[in-house]
N, C-alpha and C. Protein backbone atom coordinates (compact mmCIF):
# COMPACT_ATOMS: atom_id res chain seq x y z
N MET A 1 0.63 -103.54 29.34
CA MET A 1 0.19 -102.24 29.79
C MET A 1 1.39 -101.54 30.43
N SER A 2 1.52 -100.25 30.15
CA SER A 2 2.63 -99.49 30.73
C SER A 2 2.26 -99.03 32.13
N SER A 3 3.19 -98.38 32.80
CA SER A 3 2.94 -97.93 34.18
C SER A 3 1.88 -96.84 34.25
N LYS A 4 1.59 -96.15 33.16
CA LYS A 4 0.57 -95.11 33.15
C LYS A 4 -0.78 -95.65 32.69
N GLY A 5 -0.91 -96.95 32.56
CA GLY A 5 -2.17 -97.53 32.18
C GLY A 5 -2.48 -97.50 30.70
N ILE A 6 -1.51 -97.11 29.88
CA ILE A 6 -1.72 -97.06 28.44
C ILE A 6 -1.30 -98.39 27.84
N ILE A 7 -2.18 -98.97 27.07
CA ILE A 7 -1.86 -100.24 26.43
C ILE A 7 -1.20 -99.95 25.09
N THR A 8 -0.06 -100.55 24.87
CA THR A 8 0.64 -100.40 23.61
C THR A 8 0.29 -101.58 22.73
N VAL A 9 -0.24 -101.29 21.56
CA VAL A 9 -0.61 -102.34 20.62
C VAL A 9 0.34 -102.28 19.44
N ARG A 10 0.93 -103.40 19.13
CA ARG A 10 1.80 -103.47 17.96
C ARG A 10 0.95 -103.69 16.73
N THR A 11 1.15 -102.85 15.76
CA THR A 11 0.43 -103.03 14.51
C THR A 11 1.22 -103.95 13.61
N ASN A 12 0.58 -104.45 12.59
CA ASN A 12 1.29 -105.28 11.62
C ASN A 12 2.43 -104.51 10.99
N THR A 13 2.24 -103.21 10.79
CA THR A 13 3.29 -102.40 10.19
C THR A 13 4.54 -102.40 11.06
N GLN A 14 4.37 -102.23 12.37
CA GLN A 14 5.52 -102.26 13.27
C GLN A 14 6.18 -103.63 13.25
N THR A 15 5.38 -104.66 13.27
CA THR A 15 5.91 -106.02 13.24
C THR A 15 6.64 -106.27 11.93
N ASP A 16 6.05 -105.82 10.83
CA ASP A 16 6.69 -105.98 9.52
C ASP A 16 8.03 -105.26 9.47
N LYS A 17 8.07 -104.04 10.00
CA LYS A 17 9.32 -103.27 9.98
C LYS A 17 10.40 -103.94 10.82
N THR A 18 10.03 -104.46 11.97
CA THR A 18 11.04 -105.13 12.79
C THR A 18 11.52 -106.41 12.14
N ALA A 19 10.63 -107.11 11.45
CA ALA A 19 11.03 -108.33 10.75
C ALA A 19 11.99 -108.00 9.62
N VAL A 20 11.70 -106.94 8.88
CA VAL A 20 12.58 -106.52 7.78
C VAL A 20 13.94 -106.10 8.34
N ALA A 21 13.93 -105.33 9.42
CA ALA A 21 15.18 -104.89 10.04
C ALA A 21 16.00 -106.08 10.54
N ALA A 22 15.34 -107.05 11.13
CA ALA A 22 16.04 -108.24 11.62
C ALA A 22 16.68 -109.01 10.48
N CYS A 23 15.98 -109.12 9.36
CA CYS A 23 16.54 -109.81 8.19
C CYS A 23 17.75 -109.07 7.65
N LEU A 24 17.67 -107.74 7.59
CA LEU A 24 18.79 -106.93 7.13
C LEU A 24 20.00 -107.12 8.03
N LEU A 25 19.78 -107.03 9.34
CA LEU A 25 20.89 -107.19 10.28
C LEU A 25 21.47 -108.59 10.24
N ALA A 26 20.62 -109.59 10.07
CA ALA A 26 21.11 -110.97 9.98
C ALA A 26 21.97 -111.15 8.74
N ALA A 27 21.56 -110.56 7.63
CA ALA A 27 22.33 -110.67 6.39
C ALA A 27 23.70 -110.01 6.53
N MET A 28 23.76 -108.91 7.28
CA MET A 28 25.01 -108.17 7.44
C MET A 28 25.84 -108.66 8.63
N ALA A 29 25.30 -109.55 9.44
CA ALA A 29 25.98 -109.97 10.68
C ALA A 29 27.19 -110.85 10.44
N ASN A 30 27.24 -111.54 9.31
CA ASN A 30 28.38 -112.40 9.01
C ASN A 30 29.58 -111.53 8.61
N PRO A 31 30.75 -111.74 9.20
CA PRO A 31 31.91 -110.91 8.87
C PRO A 31 32.26 -110.88 7.39
N LYS A 32 32.16 -112.01 6.70
CA LYS A 32 32.49 -112.03 5.27
C LYS A 32 31.45 -111.26 4.46
N ARG A 33 30.17 -111.38 4.82
CA ARG A 33 29.15 -110.63 4.09
C ARG A 33 29.31 -109.13 4.34
N LEU A 34 29.66 -108.77 5.56
CA LEU A 34 29.92 -107.36 5.86
C LEU A 34 31.11 -106.87 5.05
N GLN A 35 32.14 -107.69 4.94
CA GLN A 35 33.32 -107.34 4.14
C GLN A 35 32.93 -107.18 2.67
N ILE A 36 32.12 -108.08 2.15
CA ILE A 36 31.66 -108.00 0.76
C ILE A 36 30.93 -106.68 0.53
N LEU A 37 30.05 -106.32 1.44
CA LEU A 37 29.29 -105.07 1.29
C LEU A 37 30.20 -103.85 1.38
N CYS A 38 31.20 -103.90 2.25
CA CYS A 38 32.15 -102.79 2.35
C CYS A 38 32.90 -102.59 1.04
N VAL A 39 33.24 -103.67 0.38
CA VAL A 39 33.93 -103.59 -0.92
C VAL A 39 32.97 -103.07 -1.98
N LEU A 40 31.77 -103.63 -2.02
CA LEU A 40 30.84 -103.30 -3.09
C LEU A 40 30.21 -101.92 -2.95
N ILE A 41 30.21 -101.35 -1.76
CA ILE A 41 29.65 -100.01 -1.59
C ILE A 41 30.55 -98.99 -2.29
N GLU A 42 31.82 -99.36 -2.46
CA GLU A 42 32.79 -98.47 -3.11
C GLU A 42 32.87 -98.69 -4.61
N ASN A 43 32.80 -99.95 -5.06
CA ASN A 43 33.01 -100.28 -6.48
C ASN A 43 32.14 -101.44 -6.91
N GLU A 44 31.76 -101.41 -8.17
CA GLU A 44 31.19 -102.59 -8.81
C GLU A 44 32.36 -103.54 -9.08
N MET A 45 32.13 -104.84 -8.95
CA MET A 45 33.25 -105.77 -9.10
C MET A 45 32.78 -107.10 -9.68
N PRO A 46 33.59 -107.68 -10.60
CA PRO A 46 33.25 -109.02 -11.10
C PRO A 46 33.50 -110.07 -10.02
N VAL A 47 32.80 -111.19 -10.14
CA VAL A 47 32.84 -112.23 -9.11
C VAL A 47 34.27 -112.68 -8.79
N GLY A 48 35.07 -112.96 -9.80
CA GLY A 48 36.44 -113.45 -9.57
C GLY A 48 37.28 -112.46 -8.78
N ALA A 49 37.21 -111.19 -9.15
CA ALA A 49 37.97 -110.17 -8.43
C ALA A 49 37.46 -110.00 -7.00
N LEU A 50 36.14 -110.08 -6.84
CA LEU A 50 35.56 -109.96 -5.51
C LEU A 50 35.99 -111.12 -4.62
N ALA A 51 36.01 -112.33 -5.18
CA ALA A 51 36.45 -113.51 -4.43
C ALA A 51 37.89 -113.32 -3.95
N ASN A 52 38.76 -112.84 -4.83
CA ASN A 52 40.16 -112.60 -4.45
C ASN A 52 40.26 -111.51 -3.39
N ARG A 53 39.49 -110.46 -3.55
CA ARG A 53 39.56 -109.31 -2.63
C ARG A 53 39.15 -109.69 -1.21
N VAL A 54 38.12 -110.54 -1.09
CA VAL A 54 37.64 -110.89 0.25
C VAL A 54 38.18 -112.23 0.75
N GLY A 55 39.00 -112.89 -0.07
CA GLY A 55 39.66 -114.12 0.37
C GLY A 55 38.74 -115.32 0.49
N LEU A 56 37.83 -115.46 -0.46
CA LEU A 56 36.91 -116.60 -0.48
C LEU A 56 37.01 -117.33 -1.81
N SER A 57 36.70 -118.61 -1.79
CA SER A 57 36.56 -119.34 -3.05
C SER A 57 35.31 -118.80 -3.74
N GLN A 58 35.23 -119.00 -5.06
CA GLN A 58 34.03 -118.54 -5.76
C GLN A 58 32.79 -119.25 -5.26
N SER A 59 32.94 -120.50 -4.86
CA SER A 59 31.80 -121.26 -4.32
C SER A 59 31.30 -120.65 -3.01
N ALA A 60 32.21 -120.36 -2.10
CA ALA A 60 31.82 -119.76 -0.82
C ALA A 60 31.25 -118.36 -1.03
N LEU A 61 31.88 -117.60 -1.93
CA LEU A 61 31.38 -116.26 -2.24
C LEU A 61 29.97 -116.32 -2.80
N SER A 62 29.73 -117.28 -3.67
CA SER A 62 28.41 -117.45 -4.26
C SER A 62 27.34 -117.66 -3.20
N GLN A 63 27.65 -118.43 -2.18
CA GLN A 63 26.69 -118.67 -1.10
C GLN A 63 26.38 -117.38 -0.34
N HIS A 64 27.41 -116.59 -0.06
CA HIS A 64 27.20 -115.32 0.63
C HIS A 64 26.42 -114.35 -0.25
N LEU A 65 26.76 -114.28 -1.53
CA LEU A 65 26.05 -113.38 -2.43
C LEU A 65 24.59 -113.77 -2.58
N SER A 66 24.32 -115.05 -2.52
CA SER A 66 22.94 -115.53 -2.60
C SER A 66 22.12 -114.99 -1.43
N LYS A 67 22.69 -115.00 -0.25
CA LYS A 67 21.99 -114.46 0.93
C LYS A 67 21.79 -112.96 0.81
N LEU A 68 22.79 -112.27 0.28
CA LEU A 68 22.66 -110.82 0.11
C LEU A 68 21.65 -110.47 -0.98
N ARG A 69 21.63 -111.26 -2.05
CA ARG A 69 20.63 -111.06 -3.11
C ARG A 69 19.22 -111.29 -2.59
N ALA A 70 19.06 -112.29 -1.74
CA ALA A 70 17.74 -112.61 -1.19
C ALA A 70 17.16 -111.44 -0.40
N GLN A 71 18.02 -110.60 0.15
CA GLN A 71 17.58 -109.42 0.90
C GLN A 71 17.65 -108.15 0.05
N ASN A 72 17.91 -108.31 -1.25
CA ASN A 72 18.03 -107.17 -2.18
C ASN A 72 19.12 -106.19 -1.76
N LEU A 73 20.21 -106.72 -1.22
CA LEU A 73 21.31 -105.87 -0.78
C LEU A 73 22.39 -105.73 -1.83
N VAL A 74 22.39 -106.59 -2.84
CA VAL A 74 23.33 -106.47 -3.95
C VAL A 74 22.57 -106.57 -5.27
N GLU A 75 23.16 -105.96 -6.29
CA GLU A 75 22.62 -106.02 -7.64
C GLU A 75 23.64 -106.69 -8.54
N THR A 76 23.17 -107.24 -9.64
CA THR A 76 24.06 -107.86 -10.62
C THR A 76 23.88 -107.21 -11.97
N ARG A 77 24.94 -107.28 -12.75
CA ARG A 77 24.93 -106.82 -14.13
C ARG A 77 25.80 -107.79 -14.92
N ARG A 78 25.28 -108.26 -16.04
CA ARG A 78 26.03 -109.20 -16.87
C ARG A 78 26.61 -108.44 -18.07
N GLU A 79 27.89 -108.72 -18.32
CA GLU A 79 28.55 -108.19 -19.51
C GLU A 79 29.25 -109.38 -20.16
N ALA A 80 28.69 -109.83 -21.27
CA ALA A 80 29.14 -111.07 -21.92
C ALA A 80 29.01 -112.21 -20.91
N GLN A 81 30.14 -112.84 -20.55
CA GLN A 81 30.06 -113.95 -19.59
C GLN A 81 30.45 -113.55 -18.17
N THR A 82 30.70 -112.27 -17.97
CA THR A 82 31.13 -111.80 -16.66
C THR A 82 29.95 -111.19 -15.91
N ILE A 83 29.80 -111.58 -14.66
CA ILE A 83 28.76 -111.01 -13.81
C ILE A 83 29.42 -110.05 -12.83
N TYR A 84 28.91 -108.83 -12.82
CA TYR A 84 29.40 -107.79 -11.92
C TYR A 84 28.41 -107.60 -10.78
N TYR A 85 28.94 -107.38 -9.59
CA TYR A 85 28.11 -107.14 -8.41
C TYR A 85 28.36 -105.73 -7.91
N SER A 86 27.32 -105.15 -7.35
CA SER A 86 27.42 -103.83 -6.71
C SER A 86 26.33 -103.74 -5.66
N THR A 87 26.41 -102.70 -4.86
CA THR A 87 25.32 -102.39 -3.94
C THR A 87 25.11 -100.89 -3.92
N HIS A 88 23.87 -100.53 -4.01
CA HIS A 88 23.48 -99.13 -3.87
C HIS A 88 22.33 -99.05 -2.87
N ALA A 89 22.13 -100.13 -2.12
CA ALA A 89 21.03 -100.22 -1.17
C ALA A 89 21.21 -99.17 -0.07
N GLU A 90 20.24 -98.31 0.06
CA GLU A 90 20.31 -97.24 1.05
C GLU A 90 20.47 -97.77 2.48
N PRO A 91 19.78 -98.85 2.87
CA PRO A 91 19.99 -99.37 4.23
C PRO A 91 21.44 -99.79 4.48
N VAL A 92 22.09 -100.35 3.47
CA VAL A 92 23.50 -100.75 3.62
C VAL A 92 24.35 -99.52 3.83
N LYS A 93 24.16 -98.50 3.00
CA LYS A 93 24.94 -97.27 3.13
C LYS A 93 24.76 -96.66 4.51
N LYS A 94 23.51 -96.59 4.96
CA LYS A 94 23.25 -95.96 6.26
C LYS A 94 23.86 -96.76 7.41
N LEU A 95 23.75 -98.08 7.35
CA LEU A 95 24.33 -98.90 8.42
C LEU A 95 25.85 -98.81 8.42
N LEU A 96 26.47 -98.80 7.25
CA LEU A 96 27.93 -98.66 7.20
C LEU A 96 28.37 -97.30 7.71
N GLU A 97 27.60 -96.25 7.39
CA GLU A 97 27.91 -94.91 7.91
C GLU A 97 27.76 -94.88 9.44
N THR A 98 26.73 -95.54 9.94
CA THR A 98 26.52 -95.61 11.39
C THR A 98 27.68 -96.34 12.06
N LEU A 99 28.11 -97.44 11.46
CA LEU A 99 29.26 -98.16 12.00
C LEU A 99 30.51 -97.29 11.96
N ASP A 100 30.66 -96.50 10.89
CA ASP A 100 31.78 -95.55 10.84
C ASP A 100 31.72 -94.60 12.03
N ASP A 101 30.53 -94.08 12.31
CA ASP A 101 30.37 -93.15 13.43
C ASP A 101 30.65 -93.84 14.77
N ILE A 102 30.14 -95.04 14.94
CA ILE A 102 30.35 -95.78 16.19
C ILE A 102 31.84 -96.03 16.42
N TYR A 103 32.53 -96.40 15.37
CA TYR A 103 33.95 -96.70 15.50
C TYR A 103 34.81 -95.49 15.22
N ASP A 104 34.19 -94.30 15.31
CA ASP A 104 34.91 -93.03 15.27
C ASP A 104 35.73 -92.87 14.00
N ARG A 105 35.20 -93.36 12.92
CA ARG A 105 35.87 -93.22 11.62
C ARG A 105 37.33 -93.65 11.69
N SER A 106 37.57 -94.72 12.40
CA SER A 106 38.93 -95.19 12.64
C SER A 106 39.49 -96.03 11.49
N GLY A 107 38.77 -96.08 10.38
CA GLY A 107 39.25 -96.86 9.26
C GLY A 107 38.87 -98.32 9.33
N TRP A 108 37.92 -98.68 10.22
CA TRP A 108 37.53 -100.09 10.35
C TRP A 108 37.04 -100.65 9.03
N ARG A 109 36.32 -99.83 8.25
CA ARG A 109 35.77 -100.33 6.99
C ARG A 109 36.89 -100.54 5.97
N ASP A 110 37.87 -99.65 5.96
CA ASP A 110 39.01 -99.83 5.05
C ASP A 110 39.75 -101.12 5.36
N THR A 111 39.87 -101.44 6.63
CA THR A 111 40.52 -102.68 7.04
C THR A 111 39.74 -103.88 6.54
N LEU A 112 38.41 -103.84 6.67
CA LEU A 112 37.57 -104.93 6.18
C LEU A 112 37.65 -105.07 4.67
N ALA A 113 37.66 -103.94 3.97
CA ALA A 113 37.58 -103.96 2.51
C ALA A 113 38.91 -104.32 1.86
N SER A 114 39.99 -104.30 2.61
CA SER A 114 41.30 -104.58 1.98
C SER A 114 41.65 -106.04 2.03
């Protein structure tokens, strides 16, 4: 109960939204996953090139991509034997833009993506 005597009841919708938000933030909380998303928000990239760009083995990258796929934060496209990854997820774009604003557009994302 609040100080004015009004009882606040959480609906399932509010609980569901907070659970979804928590999952999104957890997926993006790892520095390497954040770096992967910073790269993929700019370009679609094959796995090998992405591994080189973010400095991970393909095995380690695969584990991170699996977590991002589980939250629908990355998409895949197959061309012959090459798998390309990208992200067009609106929550990712909005969070990266918010981080840009928080860090005063100081190029933090460019540093992560390089």
